[in-house]
């Protein structure tokens, strides 16, 4: 079942009645999400899963996602995500400040509660005021949490968040998010754990376009953006853009870090 969440008294969560729509009807009209589920199911590597999840997150009206699979403890759901486009600085701040021990949404995921759609506007009262203040300080306006069933005491969950004012239809969004998460988990298991466990920078290599791979090769040879532009017959502005995209996809802060990564043909 899916539920809406509002927090309005100390240490308590009040949940609305079940929404009671069949999954098939709930995602009717979300053709883009359905197509992305198909892409995940047929993904050839973990980078394709990440890319499809990024697009699906936007289709559902959010900007960032974090999918953590088969973690030994609830804290690892945020400390060691399997697939994520969370800003590395914000995620590091979350972990450095030990929010995992105080995050009520993470606790609900650990308890394998029903999927939750929430917003900071509805999050009133005295429950978890510090965490609410943290969300607002990060500009977060809404989000969802989808716990996934696991055996042997493991923990898995999908998180999405938005920093813009949007209306989210729970009857469509929550079932679609569940399907995405379950499909990604099954495909991730089929592909094997090695690449999924790789550092974000290594996984990010799979997200680079052929042009960006070519530019990264020249960066490894010590070429400047201006020199790369001449070699590839591009504008310097175009190369500057690609370099920014490379750094973002690899989750690194400098071209030196990017150039240090091995990349195949």
Foldseek 3Di string as FASTA:
>chain_A
DEWEWEAAEAPDIDTDDDPDDDLVVLQPPLVLLVVLLVQLLPPPDVLSLLVSVQVNLVSQPFHWKFKAPFAQDLLCSLVQTLHILPQPVLSVVCVVVPCSVVPVLSVCLLVQHAKYKYFLVRHYHDYSPVVSVVCVVVQWGIKMKHWDDDPPNTTIIMITTHNDDDDGDCSRNRSSVVSSNVSNRVSCVVNPCPVSRDPQLVSLLVVADPVLVVLLQVVLVVDDLVRVCVVVVHDSVVSVVSVVVNCSSSVHDDSVVSSPDDDDD
